[in-house]
Protein backbone atom coordinates (compact mmCIF):
# COMPACT_ATOMS: atom_id res chain seq x y z
CA UNK A 1 -20.93 -32.93 -46.29
CA UNK A 2 -21.50 -36.14 -48.47
CA UNK A 3 -17.92 -35.65 -49.89
CA UNK A 4 -16.50 -35.61 -46.32
CA UNK A 5 -18.68 -38.59 -45.41
CA UNK A 6 -17.31 -40.64 -48.18
CA UNK A 7 -13.78 -39.73 -47.51
CA UNK A 8 -14.22 -40.60 -43.90
CA UNK A 9 -15.68 -44.08 -45.18
CA UNK A 10 -12.53 -44.59 -46.95
CA UNK A 11 -10.42 -44.01 -44.05
CA UNK A 12 -12.52 -45.93 -41.51
CA UNK A 13 -13.53 -49.42 -41.83
CA UNK A 14 -16.63 -50.19 -44.01
CA UNK A 15 -18.69 -51.50 -41.14
CA UNK A 16 -18.55 -48.30 -39.27
CA UNK A 17 -19.94 -46.33 -42.22
CA UNK A 18 -22.43 -48.75 -43.78
CA UNK A 19 -24.56 -49.46 -40.66
CA UNK A 20 -26.76 -47.66 -38.42
CA UNK A 21 -26.68 -50.56 -35.81
CA UNK A 22 -24.47 -49.88 -32.86
CA UNK A 23 -21.47 -52.10 -32.96
CA UNK A 24 -19.80 -53.62 -29.75
CA UNK A 25 -17.47 -51.16 -28.18
CA UNK A 26 -13.95 -51.43 -29.63
CA UNK A 27 -10.61 -49.86 -28.57
CA UNK A 28 -8.83 -49.87 -25.16
CA UNK A 29 -10.01 -48.25 -22.05
CA UNK A 30 -7.37 -45.85 -21.49
CA UNK A 31 -9.15 -43.59 -19.05
CA UNK A 32 -6.90 -40.57 -18.66
CA UNK A 33 -6.31 -36.68 -18.92
CA UNK A 34 -4.52 -34.85 -21.72
CA UNK A 35 -3.95 -31.68 -23.38
CA UNK A 36 -3.59 -30.79 -27.04
CA UNK A 37 -1.99 -27.14 -27.68
CA UNK A 38 -0.41 -24.89 -30.11
CA UNK A 39 2.30 -22.16 -29.56
CA UNK A 40 1.04 -18.96 -31.29
CA UNK A 41 4.76 -17.84 -31.78
CA UNK A 42 6.41 -20.89 -33.24
CA UNK A 43 3.30 -22.64 -34.43
CA UNK A 44 4.46 -25.85 -32.69
CA UNK A 45 1.61 -28.20 -32.07
CA UNK A 46 1.76 -30.74 -29.27
CA UNK A 47 -0.12 -33.37 -27.05
CA UNK A 48 0.72 -34.45 -23.41
CA UNK A 49 -0.98 -37.27 -21.62
CA UNK A 50 -0.95 -39.21 -18.39
CA UNK A 51 -3.00 -42.37 -17.58
CA UNK A 52 -3.10 -45.46 -15.36
CA UNK A 53 -2.44 -47.63 -18.32
CA UNK A 54 0.63 -49.24 -19.80
CA UNK A 55 2.41 -47.27 -22.68
CA UNK A 56 -0.29 -44.55 -23.01
CA UNK A 57 1.98 -42.69 -25.47
CA UNK A 58 1.57 -45.30 -28.16
CA UNK A 59 -2.12 -44.86 -28.22
CA UNK A 60 -3.45 -41.44 -27.28
CA UNK A 61 -1.20 -38.66 -28.91
CA UNK A 62 -0.98 -37.94 -32.59
CA UNK A 63 0.44 -34.93 -34.33
CA UNK A 64 1.81 -33.74 -37.58
CA UNK A 65 3.86 -30.78 -38.34
CA UNK A 66 1.74 -28.00 -40.01
CA UNK A 67 -1.43 -29.96 -39.76
CA UNK A 68 -2.64 -30.56 -35.99
CA UNK A 69 -2.38 -32.57 -32.79
CA UNK A 70 -4.94 -35.14 -31.58
CA UNK A 71 -5.63 -36.84 -28.32
CA UNK A 72 -8.00 -39.89 -28.51
CA UNK A 73 -8.93 -41.46 -25.11
CA UNK A 74 -11.52 -43.10 -22.88
CA UNK A 75 -12.11 -46.21 -25.04
CA UNK A 76 -9.54 -45.43 -27.48
CA UNK A 77 -10.15 -45.49 -31.23
CA UNK A 78 -6.73 -44.89 -32.82
CA UNK A 79 -8.45 -44.06 -36.17
CA UNK A 80 -9.27 -40.71 -34.69
CA UNK A 81 -5.56 -39.85 -34.63
CA UNK A 82 -4.61 -41.46 -37.94
CA UNK A 83 -7.80 -40.39 -39.90
CA UNK A 84 -8.06 -37.27 -38.08
CA UNK A 85 -4.56 -35.99 -39.15
CA UNK A 86 -5.45 -37.15 -42.76
CA UNK A 87 -8.44 -35.16 -42.89
CA UNK A 88 -6.92 -32.06 -41.43
CA UNK A 89 -4.10 -32.32 -44.04
CA UNK A 90 -6.68 -32.57 -46.72
CA UNK A 91 -7.93 -29.06 -45.66
CA UNK A 92 -10.49 -29.46 -43.04
CA UNK A 93 -10.41 -27.71 -39.82
CA UNK A 94 -10.63 -29.31 -36.42
CA UNK A 95 -14.29 -29.07 -35.76
CA UNK A 96 -15.26 -30.40 -39.24
CA UNK A 97 -12.73 -33.20 -38.87
CA UNK A 98 -14.06 -34.14 -35.47
CA UNK A 99 -17.76 -33.88 -36.70
CA UNK A 100 -17.03 -36.19 -39.57
CA UNK A 101 -15.40 -38.91 -37.51
CA UNK A 102 -18.11 -38.83 -34.92
CA UNK A 103 -20.54 -39.32 -37.45
CA UNK A 104 -18.91 -42.28 -38.68
CA UNK A 105 -18.28 -43.95 -35.19
CA UNK A 106 -20.62 -46.54 -34.08
CA UNK A 107 -19.89 -45.81 -30.45
CA UNK A 108 -19.31 -42.05 -29.85
CA UNK A 109 -20.63 -42.12 -26.38
CA UNK A 110 -17.47 -44.01 -25.02
CA UNK A 111 -14.99 -41.59 -26.83
CA UNK A 112 -13.17 -38.70 -25.53
CA UNK A 113 -11.32 -36.91 -28.22
CA UNK A 114 -9.67 -33.47 -28.60
CA UNK A 115 -8.05 -31.89 -31.81
CA UNK A 116 -6.28 -28.78 -32.45
CA UNK A 117 -5.39 -27.71 -36.22
CA UNK A 118 -2.56 -25.65 -37.49
CA UNK A 119 -4.55 -22.39 -36.97
CA UNK A 120 -5.16 -23.13 -33.30
CA UNK A 121 -8.93 -23.84 -33.66
CA UNK A 122 -9.81 -26.56 -31.22
CA UNK A 123 -12.77 -29.25 -31.25
CA UNK A 124 -13.38 -31.58 -28.25
CA UNK A 125 -15.85 -34.48 -27.73
CA UNK A 126 -16.68 -35.96 -24.38
CA UNK A 127 -19.04 -38.90 -24.94
CA UNK A 128 -22.28 -39.23 -22.69
CA UNK A 129 -20.92 -42.78 -21.52
CA UNK A 130 -17.51 -41.55 -20.38
CA UNK A 131 -16.91 -42.45 -16.81
CA UNK A 132 -17.26 -39.53 -14.29
CA UNK A 133 -15.74 -37.24 -13.45
CA UNK A 134 -15.48 -36.45 -17.19
CA UNK A 135 -15.23 -33.29 -19.07
CA UNK A 136 -13.16 -30.84 -21.16
CA UNK A 137 -12.49 -27.15 -21.28
CA UNK A 138 -11.23 -25.13 -24.35
CA UNK A 139 -9.29 -21.96 -24.57
CA UNK A 140 -7.16 -20.02 -26.92
CA UNK A 141 -4.64 -22.35 -28.68
CA UNK A 142 -5.46 -25.36 -26.26
CA UNK A 143 -7.98 -27.87 -25.17
CA UNK A 144 -7.77 -29.99 -21.81
CA UNK A 145 -9.80 -33.17 -21.23
CA UNK A 146 -10.22 -35.99 -18.62
CA UNK A 147 -12.25 -38.87 -17.65
CA UNK A 148 -12.49 -41.33 -14.69
CA UNK A 149 -10.94 -38.54 -12.46
CA UNK A 150 -11.13 -38.89 -8.71
CA UNK A 151 -12.50 -35.38 -8.17
CA UNK A 152 -14.37 -32.93 -10.47
CA UNK A 153 -12.45 -29.77 -11.62
CA UNK A 154 -9.41 -31.34 -13.31
CA UNK A 155 -9.97 -29.70 -16.69
CA UNK A 156 -10.11 -26.20 -14.83
CA UNK A 157 -7.00 -27.00 -13.01
CA UNK A 158 -5.10 -28.04 -16.29
CA UNK A 159 -6.34 -24.97 -18.01
CA UNK A 160 -5.23 -22.61 -15.48
CA UNK A 161 -1.83 -24.30 -15.10
CA UNK A 162 -1.16 -24.18 -18.76
CA UNK A 163 -2.17 -20.49 -19.05
CA UNK A 164 0.00 -19.53 -16.22
CA UNK A 165 3.03 -21.48 -17.11
CA UNK A 166 6.09 -20.20 -18.96
CA UNK A 167 8.57 -21.95 -20.96
CA UNK A 168 8.49 -23.99 -24.18
CA UNK A 169 5.23 -25.65 -25.25
CA UNK A 170 6.32 -29.02 -23.89
CA UNK A 171 7.04 -27.38 -20.49
CA UNK A 172 3.87 -25.72 -20.18
CA UNK A 173 1.67 -28.87 -21.34
CA UNK A 174 3.58 -30.81 -18.53
CA UNK A 175 2.60 -28.17 -16.12
CA UNK A 176 -1.06 -28.72 -17.04
CA UNK A 177 -0.44 -32.58 -16.30
CA UNK A 178 1.07 -31.96 -13.03
CA UNK A 179 -1.83 -29.69 -12.08
CA UNK A 180 -4.23 -32.57 -13.02
CA UNK A 181 -2.42 -34.98 -10.74
CA UNK A 182 -2.35 -32.41 -7.82
CA UNK A 183 -6.15 -32.12 -8.29
CA UNK A 184 -6.56 -35.89 -7.70
CA UNK A 185 -5.87 -37.37 -11.29
CA UNK A 186 -7.01 -40.69 -12.39
CA UNK A 187 -9.11 -42.45 -9.67
CA UNK A 188 -7.19 -45.62 -10.39
CA UNK A 189 -3.72 -43.89 -9.90
CA UNK A 190 -0.93 -43.34 -12.41
CA UNK A 191 1.22 -45.38 -14.59
CA UNK A 192 2.44 -43.95 -17.79
CA UNK A 193 2.83 -40.62 -19.47
CA UNK A 194 4.05 -38.95 -22.88
CA UNK A 195 4.72 -35.64 -24.65
CA UNK A 196 4.69 -35.16 -28.30
CA UNK A 197 5.63 -31.83 -30.00
CA UNK A 198 5.92 -31.26 -33.67
CA UNK A 199 7.25 -28.15 -35.65
CA UNK A 200 4.78 -25.60 -36.97
CA UNK A 201 6.07 -25.90 -40.40
CA UNK A 202 6.75 -29.23 -42.02
CA UNK A 203 10.47 -29.57 -43.19
CA UNK A 204 9.80 -32.56 -45.60
CA UNK A 205 11.77 -34.68 -43.19
CA UNK A 206 9.19 -35.97 -40.63
CA UNK A 207 11.81 -37.18 -38.12
CA UNK A 208 13.15 -33.56 -37.99
CA UNK A 209 9.76 -32.25 -37.34
CA UNK A 210 9.39 -34.27 -34.14
CA UNK A 211 10.79 -31.95 -31.76
CA UNK A 212 9.91 -33.68 -28.57
CA UNK A 213 8.76 -37.27 -28.49
CA UNK A 214 9.18 -38.69 -24.89
CA UNK A 215 7.36 -41.67 -23.40
CA UNK A 216 7.31 -43.20 -19.90
CA UNK A 217 5.90 -46.60 -20.27
CA UNK A 218 5.49 -47.88 -16.80
CA UNK A 219 6.30 -45.96 -13.57
CA UNK A 220 5.11 -45.35 -10.16
CA UNK A 221 5.82 -41.64 -10.75
CA UNK A 222 5.43 -41.14 -14.35
CA UNK A 223 5.19 -37.33 -14.38
CA UNK A 224 8.27 -37.06 -12.22
CA UNK A 225 10.07 -39.21 -14.85
CA UNK A 226 8.66 -37.34 -17.61
CA UNK A 227 9.96 -34.02 -16.25
CA UNK A 228 13.40 -35.57 -15.79
CA UNK A 229 13.44 -36.75 -19.36
CA UNK A 230 12.29 -33.39 -20.57
CA UNK A 231 15.06 -31.56 -18.77
CA UNK A 232 17.44 -34.26 -20.42
CA UNK A 233 16.04 -33.54 -23.78
CA UNK A 234 16.43 -29.77 -23.51
CA UNK A 235 19.94 -30.19 -22.42
CA UNK A 236 20.56 -32.32 -25.56
CA UNK A 237 19.01 -29.76 -27.67
CA UNK A 238 21.53 -27.23 -26.36
CA UNK A 239 24.35 -29.49 -27.26
CA UNK A 240 22.94 -29.94 -30.71
CA UNK A 241 22.77 -26.23 -31.11
CA UNK A 242 26.30 -26.03 -29.77
CA UNK A 243 27.49 -28.41 -32.42
CA UNK A 244 25.73 -26.64 -35.38
CA UNK A 245 27.36 -23.23 -33.97
CA UNK A 246 30.79 -24.87 -33.82
CA UNK A 247 30.33 -26.00 -37.47
CA UNK A 248 29.46 -22.38 -38.25
CA UNK A 249 32.83 -21.20 -36.75
CA UNK A 250 31.00 -19.40 -33.90
CA UNK A 251 32.91 -20.48 -30.83
CA UNK A 252 31.55 -18.36 -28.39
CA UNK A 253 27.85 -19.22 -29.20
CA UNK A 254 28.99 -22.95 -29.04
CA UNK A 255 30.41 -22.67 -25.68
CA UNK A 256 27.38 -20.69 -24.41
CA UNK A 257 25.05 -23.59 -25.72
CA UNK A 258 27.27 -26.38 -24.11
CA UNK A 259 27.24 -24.35 -20.70
CA UNK A 260 23.47 -24.21 -20.89
CA UNK A 261 23.32 -28.04 -21.28
CA UNK A 262 25.77 -28.61 -18.54
CA UNK A 263 23.88 -26.38 -16.27
CA UNK A 264 20.76 -28.62 -16.87
CA UNK A 265 22.73 -31.81 -16.57
CA UNK A 266 25.92 -31.11 -14.36
CA UNK A 267 26.66 -34.86 -13.77
CA UNK A 268 26.41 -35.93 -17.37
CA UNK A 269 29.82 -36.98 -18.44
CA UNK A 270 28.70 -37.46 -22.19
CA UNK A 271 27.91 -33.67 -22.35
CA UNK A 272 31.22 -32.70 -20.55
CA UNK A 273 33.33 -35.02 -22.69
CA UNK A 274 32.13 -33.60 -26.01
CA UNK A 275 32.38 -30.18 -24.62
CA UNK A 276 35.87 -30.68 -24.00
CA UNK A 277 36.55 -32.42 -27.38
CA UNK A 278 34.98 -29.36 -29.11
CA UNK A 279 37.33 -27.08 -27.09
CA UNK A 280 40.33 -28.90 -28.25
CA UNK A 281 38.98 -28.88 -31.95
CA UNK A 282 38.50 -25.15 -31.38
CA UNK A 283 42.44 -24.89 -30.22
CA UNK A 284 41.30 -24.16 -26.69
CA UNK A 285 43.25 -26.97 -25.08
CA UNK A 286 43.87 -25.19 -21.83
CA UNK A 287 40.12 -24.67 -21.32
CA UNK A 288 39.54 -28.40 -22.20
CA UNK A 289 42.18 -29.88 -19.74
CA UNK A 290 40.09 -29.18 -16.30
CA UNK A 291 37.20 -30.84 -18.05
CA UNK A 292 38.84 -33.83 -19.03
CA UNK A 293 40.48 -34.16 -15.70
CA UNK A 294 37.05 -34.45 -13.98
CA UNK A 295 35.78 -36.86 -16.69
CA UNK A 296 38.92 -39.00 -16.35
CA UNK A 297 38.46 -39.28 -12.68
CA UNK A 298 34.96 -40.54 -13.15
CA UNK A 299 35.87 -43.27 -15.69
CA UNK A 300 38.98 -44.49 -17.27
CA UNK A 301 37.03 -45.45 -20.46
CA UNK A 302 36.77 -41.89 -21.41
CA UNK A 303 40.62 -41.89 -21.58
CA UNK A 304 40.58 -44.74 -23.73
CA UNK A 305 38.38 -43.16 -26.14
CA UNK A 306 40.17 -40.13 -26.88
CA UNK A 307 42.89 -41.45 -29.00
CA UNK A 308 40.29 -43.47 -30.94
CA UNK A 309 38.80 -40.07 -31.75
CA UNK A 310 41.98 -38.83 -33.10
CA UNK A 311 42.51 -41.88 -35.27
CA UNK A 312 39.05 -41.20 -36.59
CA UNK A 313 39.55 -37.68 -37.37
CA UNK A 314 37.08 -36.48 -34.93
CA UNK A 315 39.66 -34.86 -32.49
CA UNK A 316 42.19 -32.57 -33.93
CA UNK A 317 45.17 -33.25 -31.77
CA UNK A 318 48.78 -34.17 -32.43
CA UNK A 319 50.57 -36.56 -30.37
CA UNK A 320 51.92 -33.91 -27.99
CA UNK A 321 48.50 -32.56 -27.37
CA UNK A 322 47.23 -36.05 -26.75
CA UNK A 323 49.95 -36.80 -24.26
CA UNK A 324 49.17 -33.52 -22.30
CA UNK A 325 45.55 -34.18 -22.23
CA UNK A 326 46.25 -37.87 -21.01
CA UNK A 327 48.06 -36.49 -17.92
CA UNK A 328 44.72 -34.82 -16.90
CA UNK A 329 43.20 -36.32 -13.91
CA UNK A 330 46.10 -38.64 -12.97
């Protein structure tokens, strides 16, 4: 335990570790509700949060592929996120990590922190000085926590919603946030929200490990906007899968992925355009023509872009094919 404490002291400021005298409360008062969770099939780890505070996603959620996920709220101390991930990466589980950081904190009573490690074990702390209604509830592969809620029972509503929801980890966590809001949510109202999901195993490329990283910084309806962004994010995931399938020569799989993307975002011209370009490159010009016609009627800039793509080698079309496409929508 002494070794752990010394490691925490290196990660935190010397003042917090060297004195038994409580320090003035530090951190920002991001009273809020959140969920940390793990998907048992993929190993994905995630955090989702909403608050009546600007840009909550820059303070509360922390996650690292193959390591864990952390939410630090109430009077936020971001070192729970930074140092917590470092300690879990060193081999400590969620509970030992949280215990060590709380022991080194001069003001644990104002903190609310939740952690989940790569094995799905959770650890949660709601300080005695967190503003009511405040509490947390942990279950298999998740923990939900809230403070300064209008009504009691928010963690229970979140847990039930998460357990009953289907879909991706991000979708299930968003369902938990929506249940919290439906139960009364933050006494002050709502302003910002965020979802962060990382892969179960690190790839060595941290930017690729962040599967979902969405922030709503300031909105009268942050969860509605977060859901819109999550749907858009999912659509672009299908587009990326379609591109990869096309690179592998699997035309049918590519078209199926493009179709899924457009079903989620039927009015997104960007998706329609690149779908049509991919069809031309796959020598399916007849199937591409109707898509180009719809796109060109919505904006002539897309017609201008087409020959530029051909010049750059991104569109495999001769002059006759380009002329044929150019007639679409006229």
